[in-house]
């Protein structure tokens, strides 16, 4: 665990800054004040970030690597609902809803993921309206994506679902 300073990724030099939830909106002194508030943790491939049913105490910012958010049933079937890339937040919906996580999250590869405590996150949203607007856009995109996923699951055959999934991954992460 690395609290903001030494050893944690430097937001000002990050190549993902323009697409980052915080880095794209916070500038100068605001970004300087944010950096020491995050707690950077390194996760190995397959390591759990959080589990369904546990209460959130903050949000997670993917700084390096990728995180899979998925739901699982009792028989072990899993449904990936999101793959978070550097700059993406994970766990914000449950935190804001003040409800336990409705999915699991795990590192898809060796990753650096920063934890931002609930009080720090909410204070940032209150102090920086641009962050609040970015959050609203992200929530709207998430609702739209999940609505599309539900429609695809209900109306497409399994072959078409695989094609849609592969195409979506290609668009999000580039060619295979």
Protein backbone atom coordinates (compact mmCIF):
# COMPACT_ATOMS: atom_id res chain seq x y z
CA UNK A 1 0.00 0.00 0.00
CA UNK A 2 1.35 3.38 -1.00
CA UNK A 3 -0.31 6.55 0.23
CA UNK A 4 -0.27 9.19 -2.51
CA UNK A 5 3.34 10.33 -2.27
CA UNK A 6 6.52 8.32 -2.81
CA UNK A 7 6.04 5.26 -4.99
CA UNK A 8 2.50 6.08 -6.09
CA UNK A 9 2.01 6.96 -9.75
CA UNK A 10 2.40 10.69 -10.46
CA UNK A 11 -0.86 12.03 -11.88
CA UNK A 12 0.87 14.95 -13.61
CA UNK A 13 3.03 12.58 -15.68
CA UNK A 14 0.40 9.90 -16.32
CA UNK A 15 -0.22 9.03 -19.97
CA UNK A 16 -3.87 8.29 -19.14
CA UNK A 17 -4.47 11.67 -17.48
CA UNK A 18 -6.75 13.09 -20.19
CA UNK A 19 -9.11 10.12 -19.88
CA UNK A 20 -8.84 9.83 -16.11
CA UNK A 21 -11.87 10.60 -13.97
CA UNK A 22 -9.84 12.90 -11.72
CA UNK A 23 -6.85 13.86 -13.88
CA UNK A 24 -8.93 15.22 -16.75
CA UNK A 25 -10.79 17.66 -14.50
CA UNK A 26 -8.43 18.56 -11.67
CA UNK A 27 -5.69 21.03 -12.56
CA UNK A 28 -2.82 22.71 -10.73
CA UNK A 29 -3.35 23.06 -6.97
CA UNK A 30 -6.52 20.91 -7.05
CA UNK A 31 -4.61 18.01 -8.62
CA UNK A 32 -1.70 18.55 -6.23
CA UNK A 33 -4.11 18.35 -3.28
CA UNK A 34 -5.77 15.20 -4.68
CA UNK A 35 -2.63 13.13 -5.28
CA UNK A 36 -1.72 12.47 -1.61
CA UNK A 37 -5.31 11.46 -0.74
CA UNK A 38 -5.31 8.28 -2.80
CA UNK A 39 -3.91 5.00 -1.53
CA UNK A 40 -2.25 3.06 -4.35
CA UNK A 41 -2.28 -0.74 -4.08
CA UNK A 42 -0.73 -3.28 -6.40
CA UNK A 43 -2.93 -6.22 -7.38
CA UNK A 44 -1.80 -9.41 -9.07
CA UNK A 45 -3.73 -10.90 -11.98
CA UNK A 46 -6.88 -12.54 -10.59
CA UNK A 47 -6.66 -10.81 -7.21
CA UNK A 48 -9.99 -9.61 -5.82
CA UNK A 49 -10.53 -5.86 -5.49
CA UNK A 50 -13.94 -6.19 -3.81
CA UNK A 51 -16.68 -8.78 -3.39
CA UNK A 52 -20.41 -8.64 -4.01
CA UNK A 53 -22.34 -8.01 -0.81
CA UNK A 54 -19.65 -6.03 0.99
CA UNK A 55 -20.33 -2.38 1.85
CA UNK A 56 -18.22 0.20 -0.01
CA UNK A 57 -15.99 2.53 1.98
CA UNK A 58 -14.61 4.42 -1.00
CA UNK A 59 -14.01 4.20 -4.75
CA UNK A 60 -11.24 2.60 -6.77
CA UNK A 61 -9.32 4.36 -9.53
CA UNK A 62 -7.53 2.10 -12.00
CA UNK A 63 -4.09 3.64 -12.49
CA UNK A 64 -2.44 0.77 -14.37
CA UNK A 65 -3.84 -2.50 -15.72
CA UNK A 66 -7.48 -3.53 -16.09
CA UNK A 67 -10.24 -4.56 -13.68
CA UNK A 68 -13.13 -6.85 -14.50
CA UNK A 69 -16.45 -6.16 -12.78
CA UNK A 70 -18.68 -9.23 -12.91
CA UNK A 71 -21.66 -10.94 -11.36
CA UNK A 72 -21.67 -14.63 -10.48
CA UNK A 73 -24.45 -17.05 -9.66
CA UNK A 74 -24.42 -20.00 -7.27
CA UNK A 75 -23.50 -22.42 -10.09
CA UNK A 76 -20.35 -20.47 -10.90
CA UNK A 77 -21.61 -18.79 -14.06
CA UNK A 78 -20.15 -15.32 -14.48
CA UNK A 79 -21.32 -12.29 -16.42
CA UNK A 80 -18.81 -9.52 -17.06
CA UNK A 81 -20.64 -6.20 -16.80
CA UNK A 82 -17.65 -3.89 -17.21
CA UNK A 83 -13.93 -3.90 -17.87
CA UNK A 84 -12.28 -0.85 -16.32
CA UNK A 85 -9.13 0.58 -17.89
CA UNK A 86 -6.63 3.13 -16.56
CA UNK A 87 -8.42 6.32 -15.51
CA UNK A 88 -11.74 4.55 -14.81
CA UNK A 89 -13.53 4.50 -11.46
CA UNK A 90 -14.87 1.26 -10.00
CA UNK A 91 -17.38 1.01 -7.17
CA UNK A 92 -18.79 4.53 -7.37
CA UNK A 93 -22.39 3.46 -8.07
CA UNK A 94 -22.67 1.33 -4.92
CA UNK A 95 -20.97 4.01 -2.84
CA UNK A 96 -23.33 6.73 -4.03
CA UNK A 97 -26.36 4.45 -3.65
CA UNK A 98 -25.20 3.69 -0.09
CA UNK A 99 -25.69 -0.01 -0.80
CA UNK A 100 -23.44 -3.05 -0.81
CA UNK A 101 -21.61 -3.97 -3.99
CA UNK A 102 -23.85 -5.81 -6.45
CA UNK A 103 -20.88 -7.29 -8.31
CA UNK A 104 -17.33 -8.53 -7.80
CA UNK A 105 -14.18 -6.87 -9.10
CA UNK A 106 -10.85 -8.52 -9.87
CA UNK A 107 -7.62 -7.52 -11.58
CA UNK A 108 -7.42 -8.91 -15.13
CA UNK A 109 -3.66 -8.37 -15.12
CA UNK A 110 -1.08 -7.04 -12.69
CA UNK A 111 -2.53 -3.63 -11.82
CA UNK A 112 -2.11 -0.54 -9.70
CA UNK A 113 -5.43 0.56 -8.27
CA UNK A 114 -5.86 3.59 -6.04
CA UNK A 115 -8.41 3.64 -3.25
CA UNK A 116 -10.07 6.97 -2.48
CA UNK A 117 -11.94 7.07 0.82
CA UNK A 118 -15.64 7.95 0.77
CA UNK A 119 -15.30 11.28 2.60
CA UNK A 120 -12.45 12.40 0.33
CA UNK A 121 -14.38 11.41 -2.81
CA UNK A 122 -17.59 13.14 -1.76
CA UNK A 123 -15.68 16.29 -0.75
CA UNK A 124 -13.99 16.36 -4.17
CA UNK A 125 -17.36 16.08 -5.90
CA UNK A 126 -18.74 18.93 -3.78
CA UNK A 127 -15.74 21.22 -4.40
CA UNK A 128 -15.41 20.56 -8.13
CA UNK A 129 -18.64 20.76 -10.17
CA UNK A 130 -16.76 19.51 -13.26
CA UNK A 131 -16.14 16.22 -11.43
CA UNK A 132 -19.82 15.95 -10.56
CA UNK A 133 -20.76 16.50 -14.21
CA UNK A 134 -18.18 13.91 -15.30
CA UNK A 135 -19.70 11.47 -12.78
CA UNK A 136 -23.22 12.10 -14.12
CA UNK A 137 -22.01 11.43 -17.67
CA UNK A 138 -20.28 8.22 -16.55
CA UNK A 139 -23.43 7.06 -14.76
CA UNK A 140 -25.54 7.82 -17.84
CA UNK A 141 -23.13 5.85 -20.06
CA UNK A 142 -23.20 2.97 -17.59
CA UNK A 143 -27.00 2.90 -17.54
CA UNK A 144 -27.06 3.00 -21.34
CA UNK A 145 -24.47 0.20 -21.61
CA UNK A 146 -26.32 -2.01 -19.13
CA UNK A 147 -29.62 -1.41 -20.91
CA UNK A 148 -28.00 -2.44 -24.20
CA UNK A 149 -26.50 -5.51 -22.52
CA UNK A 150 -29.89 -6.55 -21.15
CA UNK A 151 -31.46 -6.13 -24.58
CA UNK A 152 -28.68 -8.13 -26.22
CA UNK A 153 -29.01 -10.92 -23.65
CA UNK A 154 -32.76 -11.11 -24.20
CA UNK A 155 -32.87 -10.79 -27.99
CA UNK A 156 -29.61 -12.06 -29.48
CA UNK A 157 -28.57 -15.68 -29.88
CA UNK A 158 -25.31 -16.81 -28.26
CA UNK A 159 -23.26 -16.38 -31.44
CA UNK A 160 -24.36 -12.76 -31.86
CA UNK A 161 -23.63 -12.05 -28.17
CA UNK A 162 -20.06 -13.31 -28.63
CA UNK A 163 -19.64 -11.14 -31.75
CA UNK A 164 -20.96 -8.09 -29.87
CA UNK A 165 -18.66 -8.77 -26.93
CA UNK A 166 -15.57 -9.16 -29.11
CA UNK A 167 -16.42 -6.04 -31.08
CA UNK A 168 -16.91 -4.06 -27.87
CA UNK A 169 -13.57 -5.23 -26.50
CA UNK A 170 -11.87 -4.35 -29.78
CA UNK A 171 -13.34 -0.84 -29.70
CA UNK A 172 -12.40 -0.34 -26.05
CA UNK A 173 -8.90 -1.84 -26.08
CA UNK A 174 -7.82 -1.88 -29.73
CA UNK A 175 -7.07 -4.84 -31.95
CA UNK A 176 -6.34 -8.26 -30.52
